Amino acid sequence: MILPPVDTHNFTRLGESASGRLTPEALPRLSSMLVSQDGELDWQLEGRSDLRADGSRESFMDLRFSARLTMQCARCLEPLEIALADRHTYRLVGSESQADREDADDDEHDLLVSSRRFDLAGLIEDEAIMALPSAPHHPDCHAPLADDARDARSTQEGEGAASPEKSSPFASLASLRTRR
């Protein structure tokens, strides 16, 4: 366990805050998406309890994090440093069924079920994974395979080589058709 569980009831009621730094190897699911274990993820969590108009209280947690991590470029397959920075506000509810009922009505906050042993590290890891780009690439990346193919094609065209007849990618499928 990299971070102790958080009692979200007390954390929000008392308006507590916590912060820290995690390494990729401390977050195995996130780590599996990276090409290097270098980097760090800084996080801050703040709790608060707001008074509603009816006199009851509503609990919230605000999570902020930033990181510099190394992923693989989807184009050239070389290492690529990614900078992440995100912030989420969660409204705490008493049960999964309450979260299911109220989720469609609350576009402003993500809903979390309050717990005496809340997995903060799991939440941080989930949010960091969702913040990663799905197909990271260098801004000026030129995939070497695409460049090599383009160079070969231009060389072939420049030499006046006869271009082979183009065959349909579905031509081989025609032989599989059954005749009646």
C-alpha atoms as a PDB file:
ATOM      1  CA  MET A   1       0.000   0.000   0.000  1.00  0.00           C
ATOM      2  CA  ILE A   2       1.663   3.225  -1.135  1.00  0.00           C
ATOM      3  CA  LEU A   3      -0.762   5.646   0.513  1.00  0.00           C
ATOM      4  CA  PRO A   4      -2.780   4.907   3.610  1.00  0.00           C
ATOM      5  CA  PRO A   5      -6.549   4.781   3.093  1.00  0.00           C
ATOM      6  CA  VAL A   6      -8.427   8.026   3.683  1.00  0.00           C
ATOM      7  CA  ASP A   7     -11.484   8.355   5.908  1.00  0.00           C
ATOM      8  CA  THR A   8     -13.458  10.585   3.539  1.00  0.00           C
ATOM      9  CA  HIS A   9     -16.073  11.326   6.239  1.00  0.00           C
ATOM     10  CA  ASN A  10     -13.540  12.975   8.552  1.00  0.00           C
ATOM     11  CA  PHE A  11     -11.388  14.327   5.735  1.00  0.00           C
ATOM     12  CA  THR A  12     -14.233  16.415   4.299  1.00  0.00           C
ATOM     13  CA  ARG A  13     -15.926  17.263   7.612  1.00  0.00           C
ATOM     14  CA  LEU A  14     -12.683  18.677   9.027  1.00  0.00           C
ATOM     15  CA  GLY A  15     -11.631  20.373   5.773  1.00  0.00           C
ATOM     16  CA  GLU A  16      -8.346  18.512   5.714  1.00  0.00           C
ATOM     17  CA  SER A  17      -5.759  18.554   2.947  1.00  0.00           C
ATOM     18  CA  ALA A  18      -3.001  16.190   1.898  1.00  0.00           C
ATOM     19  CA  SER A  19      -0.308  16.207  -0.753  1.00  0.00           C
ATOM     20  CA  GLY A  20       2.555  14.119  -1.946  1.00  0.00           C
ATOM     21  CA  ARG A  21       4.650  12.768  -4.761  1.00  0.00           C
ATOM     22  CA  LEU A  22       4.385   9.326  -6.352  1.00  0.00           C
ATOM     23  CA  THR A  23       6.766   7.582  -8.719  1.00  0.00           C
ATOM     24  CA  PRO A  24       5.501   5.546 -11.686  1.00  0.00           C
ATOM     25  CA  GLU A  25       6.661   2.280 -10.137  1.00  0.00           C
ATOM     26  CA  ALA A  26       4.310   2.924  -7.196  1.00  0.00           C
ATOM     27  CA  LEU A  27       1.380   2.918  -9.649  1.00  0.00           C
ATOM     28  CA  PRO A  28       1.593  -0.405 -11.547  1.00  0.00           C
ATOM     29  CA  ARG A  29      -1.251   0.150 -14.039  1.00  0.00           C
ATOM     30  CA  LEU A  30       0.099   3.581 -14.979  1.00  0.00           C
ATOM     31  CA  SER A  31       3.649   2.248 -15.041  1.00  0.00           C
ATOM     32  CA  SER A  32       2.697  -0.420 -17.592  1.00  0.00           C
ATOM     33  CA  MET A  33       1.737   2.344 -20.049  1.00  0.00           C
ATOM     34  CA  LEU A  34       5.123   4.074 -19.842  1.00  0.00           C
ATOM     35  CA  VAL A  35       8.482   3.315 -21.460  1.00  0.00           C
ATOM     36  CA  SER A  36      10.472   4.664 -18.537  1.00  0.00           C
ATOM     37  CA  GLN A  37       9.988   4.676 -14.800  1.00  0.00           C
ATOM     38  CA  ASP A  38      11.558   8.140 -14.640  1.00  0.00           C
ATOM     39  CA  GLY A  39       9.268  10.953 -13.647  1.00  0.00           C
ATOM     40  CA  GLU A  40       7.041  11.859 -10.749  1.00  0.00           C
ATOM     41  CA  LEU A  41       3.426  12.630 -10.117  1.00  0.00           C
ATOM     42  CA  ASP A  42       2.683  15.439  -7.644  1.00  0.00           C
ATOM     43  CA  TRP A  43      -0.804  15.514  -6.114  1.00  0.00           C
ATOM     44  CA  GLN A  44      -2.882  17.577  -3.694  1.00  0.00           C
ATOM     45  CA  LEU A  45      -6.230  16.615  -2.161  1.00  0.00           C
ATOM     46  CA  GLU A  46      -8.498  18.988  -0.263  1.00  0.00           C
ATOM     47  CA  GLY A  47     -11.717  18.133   1.508  1.00  0.00           C
ATOM     48  CA  ARG A  48     -14.629  20.394   2.327  1.00  0.00           C
ATOM     49  CA  SER A  49     -18.167  20.190   3.614  1.00  0.00           C
ATOM     50  CA  ASP A  50     -20.624  22.794   2.295  1.00  0.00           C
ATOM     51  CA  LEU A  51     -23.854  23.773   3.969  1.00  0.00           C
ATOM     52  CA  ARG A  52     -26.947  23.338   1.795  1.00  0.00           C
ATOM     53  CA  ALA A  53     -30.013  25.581   1.874  1.00  0.00           C
ATOM     54  CA  ASP A  54     -31.948  22.902   3.803  1.00  0.00           C
ATOM     55  CA  GLY A  55     -29.330  22.832   6.581  1.00  0.00           C
ATOM     56  CA  SER A  56     -27.751  19.513   5.583  1.00  0.00           C
ATOM     57  CA  ARG A  57     -24.144  19.174   4.513  1.00  0.00           C
ATOM     58  CA  GLU A  58     -22.654  18.113   1.195  1.00  0.00           C
ATOM     59  CA  SER A  59     -19.091  16.746   1.093  1.00  0.00           C
ATOM     60  CA  PHE A  60     -16.534  17.411  -1.639  1.00  0.00           C
ATOM     61  CA  MET A  61     -12.937  16.485  -2.406  1.00  0.00           C
ATOM     62  CA  ASP A  62     -10.767  18.405  -4.860  1.00  0.00           C
ATOM     63  CA  LEU A  63      -7.877  16.514  -6.465  1.00  0.00           C
ATOM     64  CA  ARG A  64      -5.123  18.252  -8.419  1.00  0.00           C
ATOM     65  CA  PHE A  65      -2.136  16.531  -9.934  1.00  0.00           C
ATOM     66  CA  SER A  66       0.689  17.171 -12.356  1.00  0.00           C
ATOM     67  CA  ALA A  67       3.304  14.854 -13.790  1.00  0.00           C
ATOM     68  CA  ARG A  68       6.067  14.486 -16.323  1.00  0.00           C
ATOM     69  CA  LEU A  69       6.093  10.948 -17.654  1.00  0.00           C
ATOM     70  CA  THR A  70       7.675   9.149 -20.607  1.00  0.00           C
ATOM     71  CA  MET A  71       5.476   7.308 -23.097  1.00  0.00           C
ATOM     72  CA  GLN A  72       6.191   5.861 -26.542  1.00  0.00           C
ATOM     73  CA  CYS A  73       5.455   7.973 -29.601  1.00  0.00           C
ATOM     74  CA  ALA A  74       2.737   6.250 -31.631  1.00  0.00           C
ATOM     75  CA  ARG A  75       4.385   7.342 -34.893  1.00  0.00           C
ATOM     76  CA  CYS A  76       8.127   6.828 -34.518  1.00  0.00           C
ATOM     77  CA  LEU A  77       8.089   4.559 -31.437  1.00  0.00           C
ATOM     78  CA  GLU A  78      10.744   6.702 -29.719  1.00  0.00           C
ATOM     79  CA  PRO A  79      10.392   7.936 -26.113  1.00  0.00           C
ATOM     80  CA  LEU A  80       8.218  11.004 -25.650  1.00  0.00           C
ATOM     81  CA  GLU A  81       7.929  13.104 -22.506  1.00  0.00           C
ATOM     82  CA  ILE A  82       4.320  13.888 -21.597  1.00  0.00           C
ATOM     83  CA  ALA A  83       3.292  16.675 -19.237  1.00  0.00           C
ATOM     84  CA  LEU A  84       0.029  16.112 -17.381  1.00  0.00           C
ATOM     85  CA  ALA A  85      -1.927  18.547 -15.261  1.00  0.00           C
ATOM     86  CA  ASP A  86      -5.511  17.981 -14.199  1.00  0.00           C
ATOM     87  CA  ARG A  87      -8.054  18.878 -11.562  1.00  0.00           C
ATOM     88  CA  HIS A  88     -11.230  17.095 -10.480  1.00  0.00           C
ATOM     89  CA  THR A  89     -13.918  17.900  -7.954  1.00  0.00           C
ATOM     90  CA  TYR A  90     -15.807  14.962  -6.501  1.00  0.00           C
ATOM     91  CA  ARG A  91     -19.078  15.064  -4.627  1.00  0.00           C
ATOM     92  CA  LEU A  92     -19.294  12.302  -2.058  1.00  0.00           C
ATOM     93  CA  VAL A  93     -22.434  10.199  -1.716  1.00  0.00           C
ATOM     94  CA  GLY A  94     -23.452   7.476   0.727  1.00  0.00           C
ATOM     95  CA  SER A  95     -23.830   4.462  -1.570  1.00  0.00           C
ATOM     96  CA  GLU A  96     -23.366   3.059  -5.076  1.00  0.00           C
ATOM     97  CA  SER A  97     -27.130   3.136  -5.645  1.00  0.00           C
ATOM     98  CA  GLN A  98     -27.248   6.829  -4.698  1.00  0.00           C
ATOM     99  CA  ALA A  99     -24.345   7.503  -7.064  1.00  0.00           C
ATOM    100  CA  ASP A 100     -26.167   5.682  -9.885  1.00  0.00           C
ATOM    101  CA  ARG A 101     -29.368   7.663  -9.252  1.00  0.00           C
ATOM    102  CA  GLU A 102     -27.712  11.065  -8.991  1.00  0.00           C
ATOM    103  CA  ASP A 103     -24.965  10.716 -11.604  1.00  0.00           C
ATOM    104  CA  ALA A 104     -27.169  11.749 -14.540  1.00  0.00           C
ATOM    105  CA  ASP A 105     -28.302  14.865 -12.657  1.00  0.00           C
ATOM    106  CA  ASP A 106     -24.834  16.126 -11.703  1.00  0.00           C
ATOM    107  CA  ASP A 107     -22.859  17.365 -14.705  1.00  0.00           C
ATOM    108  CA  GLU A 108     -20.631  19.548 -12.553  1.00  0.00           C
ATOM    109  CA  HIS A 109     -19.003  16.879 -10.341  1.00  0.00           C
ATOM    110  CA  ASP A 110     -17.889  13.291 -10.475  1.00  0.00           C
ATOM    111  CA  LEU A 111     -19.555  11.241  -7.752  1.00  0.00           C
ATOM    112  CA  LEU A 112     -17.624   9.039  -5.338  1.00  0.00           C
ATOM    113  CA  VAL A 113     -18.949   6.774  -2.640  1.00  0.00           C
ATOM    114  CA  SER A 114     -17.737   7.966   0.747  1.00  0.00           C
ATOM    115  CA  SER A 115     -15.730   5.457   2.739  1.00  0.00           C
ATOM    116  CA  ARG A 116     -13.820   5.114   5.983  1.00  0.00           C
ATOM    117  CA  ARG A 117     -11.027   3.361   4.000  1.00  0.00           C
ATOM    118  CA  PHE A 118     -10.988   5.172   0.645  1.00  0.00           C
ATOM    119  CA  ASP A 119      -8.227   4.113  -1.809  1.00  0.00           C
ATOM    120  CA  LEU A 120      -6.640   7.478  -2.626  1.00  0.00           C
ATOM    121  CA  ALA A 121      -3.735   5.955  -4.574  1.00  0.00           C
ATOM    122  CA  GLY A 122      -6.226   4.111  -6.786  1.00  0.00           C
ATOM    123  CA  LEU A 123      -8.104   7.335  -7.500  1.00  0.00           C
ATOM    124  CA  ILE A 124      -4.903   9.215  -8.370  1.00  0.00           C
ATOM    125  CA  GLU A 125      -3.765   6.378 -10.639  1.00  0.00           C
ATOM    126  CA  ASP A 126      -7.165   6.189 -12.378  1.00  0.00           C
ATOM    127  CA  GLU A 127      -7.212   9.921 -13.081  1.00  0.00           C
ATOM    128  CA  ALA A 128      -3.600   9.955 -14.310  1.00  0.00           C
ATOM    129  CA  ILE A 129      -4.331   7.073 -16.711  1.00  0.00           C
ATOM    130  CA  MET A 130      -7.401   8.862 -18.060  1.00  0.00           C
ATOM    131  CA  ALA A 131      -5.346  12.037 -18.555  1.00  0.00           C
ATOM    132  CA  LEU A 132      -2.767  10.248 -20.739  1.00  0.00           C
ATOM    133  CA  PRO A 133      -3.094  10.824 -24.484  1.00  0.00           C
ATOM    134  CA  SER A 134      -4.434   7.770 -26.319  1.00  0.00           C
ATOM    135  CA  ALA A 135      -1.965   8.116 -29.224  1.00  0.00           C
ATOM    136  CA  PRO A 136       0.919  10.330 -28.064  1.00  0.00           C
ATOM    137  CA  HIS A 137       3.222  11.713 -30.717  1.00  0.00           C
ATOM    138  CA  HIS A 138       5.956  14.281 -31.134  1.00  0.00           C
ATOM    139  CA  PRO A 139       4.572  17.539 -32.579  1.00  0.00           C
ATOM    140  CA  ASP A 140       7.000  17.350 -35.501  1.00  0.00           C
ATOM    141  CA  CYS A 141       7.226  13.570 -35.730  1.00  0.00           C
ATOM    142  CA  HIS A 142       7.958  11.872 -39.037  1.00  0.00           C
ATOM    143  CA  ALA A 143       7.517   8.146 -38.767  1.00  0.00           C
ATOM    144  CA  PRO A 144      10.627   6.513 -40.260  1.00  0.00           C
ATOM    145  CA  LEU A 145       8.667   3.742 -42.008  1.00  0.00           C
ATOM    146  CA  ALA A 146       6.440   6.230 -43.780  1.00  0.00           C
ATOM    147  CA  ASP A 147       9.466   8.319 -44.815  1.00  0.00           C
ATOM    148  CA  ASP A 148      11.309   5.222 -46.128  1.00  0.00           C
ATOM    149  CA  ALA A 149       8.292   4.124 -48.179  1.00  0.00           C
ATOM    150  CA  ARG A 150       7.863   7.639 -49.597  1.00  0.00           C
ATOM    151  CA  ASP A 151      11.571   7.784 -50.521  1.00  0.00           C
ATOM    152  CA  ALA A 152      11.417   4.360 -52.194  1.00  0.00           C
ATOM    153  CA  ARG A 153       8.319   5.352 -54.173  1.00  0.00           C
ATOM    154  CA  SER A 154       9.851   8.638 -55.359  1.00  0.00           C
ATOM    155  CA  THR A 155      13.082   6.821 -56.320  1.00  0.00           C
ATOM    156  CA  GLN A 156      11.100   4.262 -58.287  1.00  0.00           C
ATOM    157  CA  GLU A 157       9.091   6.965 -60.053  1.00  0.00           C
ATOM    158  CA  GLY A 158      12.238   8.975 -60.735  1.00  0.00           C
ATOM    159  CA  GLU A 159      13.922   6.025 -62.479  1.00  0.00           C
ATOM    160  CA  GLY A 160      10.968   5.603 -64.795  1.00  0.00           C
ATOM    161  CA  ALA A 161      10.374   2.074 -63.539  1.00  0.00           C
ATOM    162  CA  ALA A 162       7.237   0.496 -64.773  1.00  0.00           C
ATOM    163  CA  SER A 163       4.688   0.480 -62.058  1.00  0.00           C
ATOM    164  CA  PRO A 164       3.289  -2.931 -61.325  1.00  0.00           C
ATOM    165  CA  GLU A 165      -0.380  -3.376 -62.001  1.00  0.00           C
ATOM    166  CA  LYS A 166      -2.418  -2.574 -58.976  1.00  0.00           C
ATOM    167  CA  SER A 167      -4.432  -5.483 -57.744  1.00  0.00           C
ATOM    168  CA  SER A 168      -7.533  -5.160 -55.688  1.00  0.00           C
ATOM    169  CA  PRO A 169      -7.061  -6.051 -52.044  1.00  0.00           C
ATOM    170  CA  PHE A 170     -10.242  -8.105 -52.412  1.00  0.00           C
ATOM    171  CA  ALA A 171      -9.066 -10.111 -55.430  1.00  0.00           C
ATOM    172  CA  SER A 172      -7.974 -13.062 -53.295  1.00  0.00           C
ATOM    173  CA  LEU A 173     -11.376 -13.099 -51.644  1.00  0.00           C
ATOM    174  CA  ALA A 174     -13.092 -13.667 -54.990  1.00  0.00           C
ATOM    175  CA  SER A 175     -11.661 -17.185 -55.146  1.00  0.00           C
ATOM    176  CA  LEU A 176     -13.390 -17.984 -51.857  1.00  0.00           C
ATOM    177  CA  ARG A 177     -16.849 -17.285 -53.209  1.00  0.00           C
ATOM    178  CA  THR A 178     -19.007 -20.334 -53.632  1.00  0.00           C
ATOM    179  CA  ARG A 179     -20.783 -20.940 -56.904  1.00  0.00           C
ATOM    180  CA  ARG A 180     -24.342 -22.177 -57.036  1.00  0.00           C
END
